[in-house]
Amino acid sequence: MRRLILIIGGARSGKSDFALSLAKDISSGGDVLFVATARALDDEMKERIEAHKASRPASWTTLEEPMAVGEALQKVSLPEVVVIDCITMLVSNLLLAGKEGEPFDAAMSRLKTELDSLLDAYRRSDSTWIIVTNEVGLGVVPAYRLGRLYRDMLGHANKILADEADSVLLMVAGIPVDVKRIRWDYDRPGGNAGRPG
């Protein structure tokens, strides 16, 4: 049964670990498609990506797509569970794909196209989607234009995804806090996740 779970939180709050545990629990050991949006632009990022890969079961399929994620997902057969980690990097990639000093509307247009395609792929599927993203709106206003634009784009994306989601979980120090729940109970991996609540 199709459903969307949005996991949001600050940096190092446990989002990815919880998403992996949840996917393992819901899939009951079956295949999971993991969609990675990060780009290995330097050695430190390469190390982070390798560590992420090592934390996933070898049986899972990985799709590396820094942009056009929805378009890519509409071209493949989807298993019971899809994990997208993360929207934070996807929005960064979209922002940096533009020309320096481009109007805000141009960047937002790219974001709208990306989200429309992503949600269209979700609505066409029968899978459980677990989407990871960062909350960047709780701090100070960035002092530079690119930072403000990024914050606004990610905040907009998060609102659209949260509106579509059946469940939204805010990660705080590794603990999931229920923000929104429509039909399902995801209190903890290994518990009653994936069963009607």
C-alpha atoms as a PDB file:
ATOM      1  CA  MET A   1       0.000   0.000   0.000  1.00  0.00           C
ATOM      2  CA  ARG A   2       1.423   3.351  -1.039  1.00  0.00           C
ATOM      3  CA  ARG A   3       2.475   5.672   1.761  1.00  0.00           C
ATOM      4  CA  LEU A   4       5.013   8.405   2.307  1.00  0.00           C
ATOM      5  CA  ILE A   5       7.054   8.914   5.463  1.00  0.00           C
ATOM      6  CA  LEU A   6       9.058  12.133   5.791  1.00  0.00           C
ATOM      7  CA  ILE A   7      11.942  12.109   8.276  1.00  0.00           C
ATOM      8  CA  ILE A   8      13.201  15.592   9.075  1.00  0.00           C
ATOM      9  CA  GLY A   9      15.722  16.942  11.556  1.00  0.00           C
ATOM     10  CA  GLY A  10      18.976  18.762  12.085  1.00  0.00           C
ATOM     11  CA  ALA A  11      22.449  17.605  11.098  1.00  0.00           C
ATOM     12  CA  ARG A  12      23.572  14.401  12.860  1.00  0.00           C
ATOM     13  CA  SER A  13      20.173  13.984  14.498  1.00  0.00           C
ATOM     14  CA  GLY A  14      19.856  10.318  13.482  1.00  0.00           C
ATOM     15  CA  LYS A  15      17.683  10.773  10.374  1.00  0.00           C
ATOM     16  CA  SER A  16      19.506   8.372   8.077  1.00  0.00           C
ATOM     17  CA  ASP A  17      19.987   5.677  10.712  1.00  0.00           C
ATOM     18  CA  PHE A  18      16.294   5.781  11.566  1.00  0.00           C
ATOM     19  CA  ALA A  19      15.321   5.697   7.882  1.00  0.00           C
ATOM     20  CA  LEU A  20      17.469   2.589   7.338  1.00  0.00           C
ATOM     21  CA  SER A  21      16.007   0.834  10.397  1.00  0.00           C
ATOM     22  CA  LEU A  22      12.491   1.704   9.309  1.00  0.00           C
ATOM     23  CA  ALA A  23      13.100   0.449   5.771  1.00  0.00           C
ATOM     24  CA  LYS A  24      14.491  -2.845   7.083  1.00  0.00           C
ATOM     25  CA  ASP A  25      11.480  -3.289   9.334  1.00  0.00           C
ATOM     26  CA  ILE A  26       8.859  -2.449   6.706  1.00  0.00           C
ATOM     27  CA  SER A  27      10.486  -4.536   3.965  1.00  0.00           C
ATOM     28  CA  SER A  28      10.868  -7.532   6.307  1.00  0.00           C
ATOM     29  CA  GLY A  29      14.195  -8.363   4.714  1.00  0.00           C
ATOM     30  CA  GLY A  30      12.977  -7.814   1.165  1.00  0.00           C
ATOM     31  CA  ASP A  31      14.464  -5.582  -1.488  1.00  0.00           C
ATOM     32  CA  VAL A  32      14.767  -1.864  -0.857  1.00  0.00           C
ATOM     33  CA  LEU A  33      15.704   0.788  -3.400  1.00  0.00           C
ATOM     34  CA  PHE A  34      18.007   3.384  -1.864  1.00  0.00           C
ATOM     35  CA  VAL A  35      18.215   6.642  -3.808  1.00  0.00           C
ATOM     36  CA  ALA A  36      21.370   8.617  -3.010  1.00  0.00           C
ATOM     37  CA  THR A  37      21.471  12.292  -4.027  1.00  0.00           C
ATOM     38  CA  ALA A  38      24.906  13.299  -2.695  1.00  0.00           C
ATOM     39  CA  ARG A  39      27.814  14.076  -4.994  1.00  0.00           C
ATOM     40  CA  ALA A  40      31.375  13.061  -4.123  1.00  0.00           C
ATOM     41  CA  LEU A  41      33.010  16.416  -4.839  1.00  0.00           C
ATOM     42  CA  ASP A  42      35.950  15.997  -2.445  1.00  0.00           C
ATOM     43  CA  ASP A  43      37.761  13.282  -0.483  1.00  0.00           C
ATOM     44  CA  GLU A  44      35.862  13.948   2.740  1.00  0.00           C
ATOM     45  CA  MET A  45      32.520  13.573   0.941  1.00  0.00           C
ATOM     46  CA  LYS A  46      33.744  10.389  -0.734  1.00  0.00           C
ATOM     47  CA  GLU A  47      34.513   8.949   2.702  1.00  0.00           C
ATOM     48  CA  ARG A  48      31.067   9.904   3.972  1.00  0.00           C
ATOM     49  CA  ILE A  49      29.391   8.277   0.965  1.00  0.00           C
ATOM     50  CA  GLU A  50      31.423   5.084   1.414  1.00  0.00           C
ATOM     51  CA  ALA A  51      30.457   4.947   5.098  1.00  0.00           C
ATOM     52  CA  HIS A  52      26.798   5.368   4.138  1.00  0.00           C
ATOM     53  CA  LYS A  53      27.082   2.535   1.606  1.00  0.00           C
ATOM     54  CA  ALA A  54      28.674   0.255   4.190  1.00  0.00           C
ATOM     55  CA  SER A  55      25.767   0.859   6.583  1.00  0.00           C
ATOM     56  CA  ARG A  56      23.194  -0.486   4.083  1.00  0.00           C
ATOM     57  CA  PRO A  57      22.425  -4.182   3.507  1.00  0.00           C
ATOM     58  CA  ALA A  58      24.286  -5.535   0.471  1.00  0.00           C
ATOM     59  CA  SER A  59      20.995  -6.879  -0.914  1.00  0.00           C
ATOM     60  CA  TRP A  60      19.562  -3.386  -1.368  1.00  0.00           C
ATOM     61  CA  THR A  61      19.683  -1.678  -4.748  1.00  0.00           C
ATOM     62  CA  THR A  62      21.311   1.755  -4.868  1.00  0.00           C
ATOM     63  CA  LEU A  63      20.409   4.417  -7.411  1.00  0.00           C
ATOM     64  CA  GLU A  64      22.716   7.440  -7.434  1.00  0.00           C
ATOM     65  CA  GLU A  65      20.801  10.439  -8.794  1.00  0.00           C
ATOM     66  CA  PRO A  66      21.902  13.964  -7.819  1.00  0.00           C
ATOM     67  CA  MET A  67      18.979  15.497  -9.775  1.00  0.00           C
ATOM     68  CA  ALA A  68      15.942  14.406 -11.821  1.00  0.00           C
ATOM     69  CA  VAL A  69      15.143  11.809  -9.169  1.00  0.00           C
ATOM     70  CA  GLY A  70      11.461  11.537 -10.064  1.00  0.00           C
ATOM     71  CA  GLU A  71      12.287  11.041 -13.716  1.00  0.00           C
ATOM     72  CA  ALA A  72      14.772   8.271 -12.844  1.00  0.00           C
ATOM     73  CA  LEU A  73      12.291   6.526 -10.544  1.00  0.00           C
ATOM     74  CA  GLN A  74       9.638   6.452 -13.243  1.00  0.00           C
ATOM     75  CA  LYS A  75      12.029   4.414 -15.426  1.00  0.00           C
ATOM     76  CA  VAL A  76      12.691   1.578 -12.967  1.00  0.00           C
ATOM     77  CA  SER A  77      10.622  -1.112 -11.286  1.00  0.00           C
ATOM     78  CA  LEU A  78      10.084  -0.116  -7.665  1.00  0.00           C
ATOM     79  CA  PRO A  79      10.237  -2.597  -4.767  1.00  0.00           C
ATOM     80  CA  GLU A  80       8.076  -2.473  -1.645  1.00  0.00           C
ATOM     81  CA  VAL A  81      10.225   0.238  -0.044  1.00  0.00           C
ATOM     82  CA  VAL A  82      12.033   3.254  -1.533  1.00  0.00           C
ATOM     83  CA  VAL A  83      14.389   5.394   0.568  1.00  0.00           C
ATOM     84  CA  ILE A  84      15.489   8.825  -0.696  1.00  0.00           C
ATOM     85  CA  ASP A  85      18.432  10.263   1.216  1.00  0.00           C
ATOM     86  CA  CYS A  86      18.291  13.123   0.970  1.00  0.00           C
ATOM     87  CA  ILE A  87      16.254  16.118  -0.177  1.00  0.00           C
ATOM     88  CA  THR A  88      18.838  18.382   1.456  1.00  0.00           C
ATOM     89  CA  MET A  89      21.510  17.418  -1.082  1.00  0.00           C
ATOM     90  CA  LEU A  90      19.004  17.334  -3.942  1.00  0.00           C
ATOM     91  CA  VAL A  91      18.031  20.962  -3.318  1.00  0.00           C
ATOM     92  CA  SER A  92      21.702  21.943  -3.038  1.00  0.00           C
ATOM     93  CA  ASN A  93      22.399  20.280  -6.388  1.00  0.00           C
ATOM     94  CA  LEU A  94      19.459  22.092  -7.981  1.00  0.00           C
ATOM     95  CA  LEU A  95      20.586  25.433  -6.585  1.00  0.00           C
ATOM     96  CA  LEU A  96      24.177  25.014  -7.761  1.00  0.00           C
ATOM     97  CA  ALA A  97      23.002  23.943 -11.230  1.00  0.00           C
ATOM     98  CA  GLY A  98      21.881  27.516 -11.872  1.00  0.00           C
ATOM     99  CA  LYS A  99      23.906  30.472 -13.067  1.00  0.00           C
ATOM    100  CA  GLU A 100      25.501  32.776 -10.522  1.00  0.00           C
ATOM    101  CA  GLY A 101      23.174  35.621  -9.603  1.00  0.00           C
ATOM    102  CA  GLU A 102      20.146  34.073 -11.320  1.00  0.00           C
ATOM    103  CA  PRO A 103      16.705  35.280 -10.184  1.00  0.00           C
ATOM    104  CA  PHE A 104      15.087  33.499  -7.253  1.00  0.00           C
ATOM    105  CA  ASP A 105      12.159  32.520  -9.494  1.00  0.00           C
ATOM    106  CA  ALA A 106      14.438  30.552 -11.825  1.00  0.00           C
ATOM    107  CA  ALA A 107      15.784  28.404  -8.974  1.00  0.00           C
ATOM    108  CA  MET A 108      12.293  27.898  -7.581  1.00  0.00           C
ATOM    109  CA  SER A 109      11.070  26.852 -11.025  1.00  0.00           C
ATOM    110  CA  ARG A 110      13.721  24.102 -11.158  1.00  0.00           C
ATOM    111  CA  LEU A 111      12.679  22.999  -7.699  1.00  0.00           C
ATOM    112  CA  LYS A 112       8.981  22.905  -8.658  1.00  0.00           C
ATOM    113  CA  THR A 113       9.752  20.778 -11.722  1.00  0.00           C
ATOM    114  CA  GLU A 114      11.809  18.387  -9.587  1.00  0.00           C
ATOM    115  CA  LEU A 115       9.153  18.041  -6.883  1.00  0.00           C
ATOM    116  CA  ASP A 116       6.300  17.639  -9.370  1.00  0.00           C
ATOM    117  CA  SER A 117       8.183  14.803 -11.062  1.00  0.00           C
ATOM    118  CA  LEU A 118       9.132  13.200  -7.746  1.00  0.00           C
ATOM    119  CA  LEU A 119       5.582  13.239  -6.387  1.00  0.00           C
ATOM    120  CA  ASP A 120       4.205  12.016  -9.699  1.00  0.00           C
ATOM    121  CA  ALA A 121       6.531   9.005  -9.462  1.00  0.00           C
ATOM    122  CA  TYR A 122       5.379   8.430  -5.885  1.00  0.00           C
ATOM    123  CA  ARG A 123       1.677   8.612  -6.771  1.00  0.00           C
ATOM    124  CA  ARG A 124       2.163   6.132  -9.625  1.00  0.00           C
ATOM    125  CA  SER A 125       3.836   3.617  -7.318  1.00  0.00           C
ATOM    126  CA  ASP A 126       2.519   1.090  -4.817  1.00  0.00           C
ATOM    127  CA  SER A 127       5.551   1.447  -2.576  1.00  0.00           C
ATOM    128  CA  THR A 128       6.276   2.867   0.831  1.00  0.00           C
ATOM    129  CA  TRP A 129       8.571   5.862   0.366  1.00  0.00           C
ATOM    130  CA  ILE A 130      10.822   7.069   3.163  1.00  0.00           C
ATOM    131  CA  ILE A 131      12.258  10.517   2.424  1.00  0.00           C
ATOM    132  CA  VAL A 132      14.999  12.116   4.502  1.00  0.00           C
ATOM    133  CA  THR A 133      15.502  15.877   4.709  1.00  0.00           C
ATOM    134  CA  ASN A 134      17.043  18.537   6.942  1.00  0.00           C
ATOM    135  CA  GLU A 135      15.301  21.263   8.901  1.00  0.00           C
ATOM    136  CA  VAL A 136      17.333  24.411   8.288  1.00  0.00           C
ATOM    137  CA  GLY A 137      14.811  27.043   9.343  1.00  0.00           C
ATOM    138  CA  LEU A 138      15.468  27.033  13.081  1.00  0.00           C
ATOM    139  CA  GLY A 139      18.681  29.040  13.060  1.00  0.00           C
ATOM    140  CA  VAL A 140      19.622  32.589  12.189  1.00  0.00           C
ATOM    141  CA  VAL A 141      18.966  34.122   8.772  1.00  0.00           C
ATOM    142  CA  PRO A 142      22.036  33.391   6.588  1.00  0.00           C
ATOM    143  CA  ALA A 143      24.208  36.452   6.021  1.00  0.00           C
ATOM    144  CA  TYR A 144      24.742  35.756   2.322  1.00  0.00           C
ATOM    145  CA  ARG A 145      22.314  35.524  -0.610  1.00  0.00           C
ATOM    146  CA  LEU A 146      23.076  31.925  -1.631  1.00  0.00           C
ATOM    147  CA  GLY A 147      22.477  30.720   1.922  1.00  0.00           C
ATOM    148  CA  ARG A 148      19.132  32.524   2.124  1.00  0.00           C
ATOM    149  CA  LEU A 149      18.075  31.151  -1.234  1.00  0.00           C
ATOM    150  CA  TYR A 150      19.022  27.623  -0.174  1.00  0.00           C
ATOM    151  CA  ARG A 151      17.149  27.932   3.117  1.00  0.00           C
ATOM    152  CA  ASP A 152      14.043  29.181   1.304  1.00  0.00           C
ATOM    153  CA  MET A 153      14.173  26.450  -1.350  1.00  0.00           C
ATOM    154  CA  LEU A 154      14.639  23.644   1.171  1.00  0.00           C
ATOM    155  CA  GLY A 155      11.919  25.031   3.444  1.00  0.00           C
ATOM    156  CA  HIS A 156       9.544  25.166   0.474  1.00  0.00           C
ATOM    157  CA  ALA A 157      10.407  21.590  -0.529  1.00  0.00           C
ATOM    158  CA  ASN A 158       9.928  20.349   3.034  1.00  0.00           C
ATOM    159  CA  LYS A 159       6.472  21.921   3.268  1.00  0.00           C
ATOM    160  CA  ILE A 160       5.330  20.351   0.004  1.00  0.00           C
ATOM    161  CA  LEU A 161       6.609  16.914   1.004  1.00  0.00           C
ATOM    162  CA  ALA A 162       5.146  17.177   4.522  1.00  0.00           C
ATOM    163  CA  ASP A 163       1.769  18.067   3.053  1.00  0.00           C
ATOM    164  CA  GLU A 164       1.847  14.930   0.888  1.00  0.00           C
ATOM    165  CA  ALA A 165       3.212  12.670   3.627  1.00  0.00           C
ATOM    166  CA  ASP A 166       1.169  10.231   5.664  1.00  0.00           C
ATOM    167  CA  SER A 167       3.661  10.547   8.490  1.00  0.00           C
ATOM    168  CA  VAL A 168       6.246  13.187   9.431  1.00  0.00           C
ATOM    169  CA  LEU A 169       8.850  12.414  12.065  1.00  0.00           C
ATOM    170  CA  LEU A 170      11.188  15.018  13.543  1.00  0.00           C
ATOM    171  CA  MET A 171      14.468  13.525  14.730  1.00  0.00           C
ATOM    172  CA  VAL A 172      15.861  15.038  17.937  1.00  0.00           C
ATOM    173  CA  ALA A 173      19.080  13.517  19.311  1.00  0.00           C
ATOM    174  CA  GLY A 174      18.253  10.179  17.688  1.00  0.00           C
ATOM    175  CA  ILE A 175      14.676  10.143  18.971  1.00  0.00           C
ATOM    176  CA  PRO A 176      11.753  10.322  16.511  1.00  0.00           C
ATOM    177  CA  VAL A 177       9.106  12.841  17.518  1.00  0.00           C
ATOM    178  CA  ASP A 178       5.697  12.457  15.893  1.00  0.00           C
ATOM    179  CA  VAL A 179       4.774  15.610  13.979  1.00  0.00           C
ATOM    180  CA  LYS A 180       2.096  14.220  11.673  1.00  0.00           C
ATOM    181  CA  ARG A 181       0.407  10.855  11.456  1.00  0.00           C
ATOM    182  CA  ILE A 182      -2.547   9.991   9.273  1.00  0.00           C
ATOM    183  CA  ARG A 183      -2.871   6.232   9.078  1.00  0.00           C
ATOM    184  CA  TRP A 184       0.241   4.545  10.295  1.00  0.00           C
ATOM    185  CA  ASP A 185       2.172   3.974  13.478  1.00  0.00           C
ATOM    186  CA  TYR A 186       5.972   4.301  13.234  1.00  0.00           C
ATOM    187  CA  ASP A 187       6.941   4.627  16.858  1.00  0.00           C
ATOM    188  CA  ARG A 188      10.150   2.680  16.495  1.00  0.00           C
ATOM    189  CA  PRO A 189      11.936   0.358  14.101  1.00  0.00           C
ATOM    190  CA  GLY A 190      11.544  -3.251  15.141  1.00  0.00           C
ATOM    191  CA  GLY A 191       8.247  -2.510  16.843  1.00  0.00           C
ATOM    192  CA  ASN A 192       4.934  -2.068  15.099  1.00  0.00           C
ATOM    193  CA  ALA A 193       6.230  -0.066  12.132  1.00  0.00           C
ATOM    194  CA  GLY A 194       4.468  -0.828   8.889  1.00  0.00           C
ATOM    195  CA  ARG A 195       1.269  -2.109  10.462  1.00  0.00           C
ATOM    196  CA  PRO A 196      -2.023  -0.213  10.513  1.00  0.00           C
ATOM    197  CA  GLY A 197      -2.239   1.977  13.614  1.00  0.00           C
END
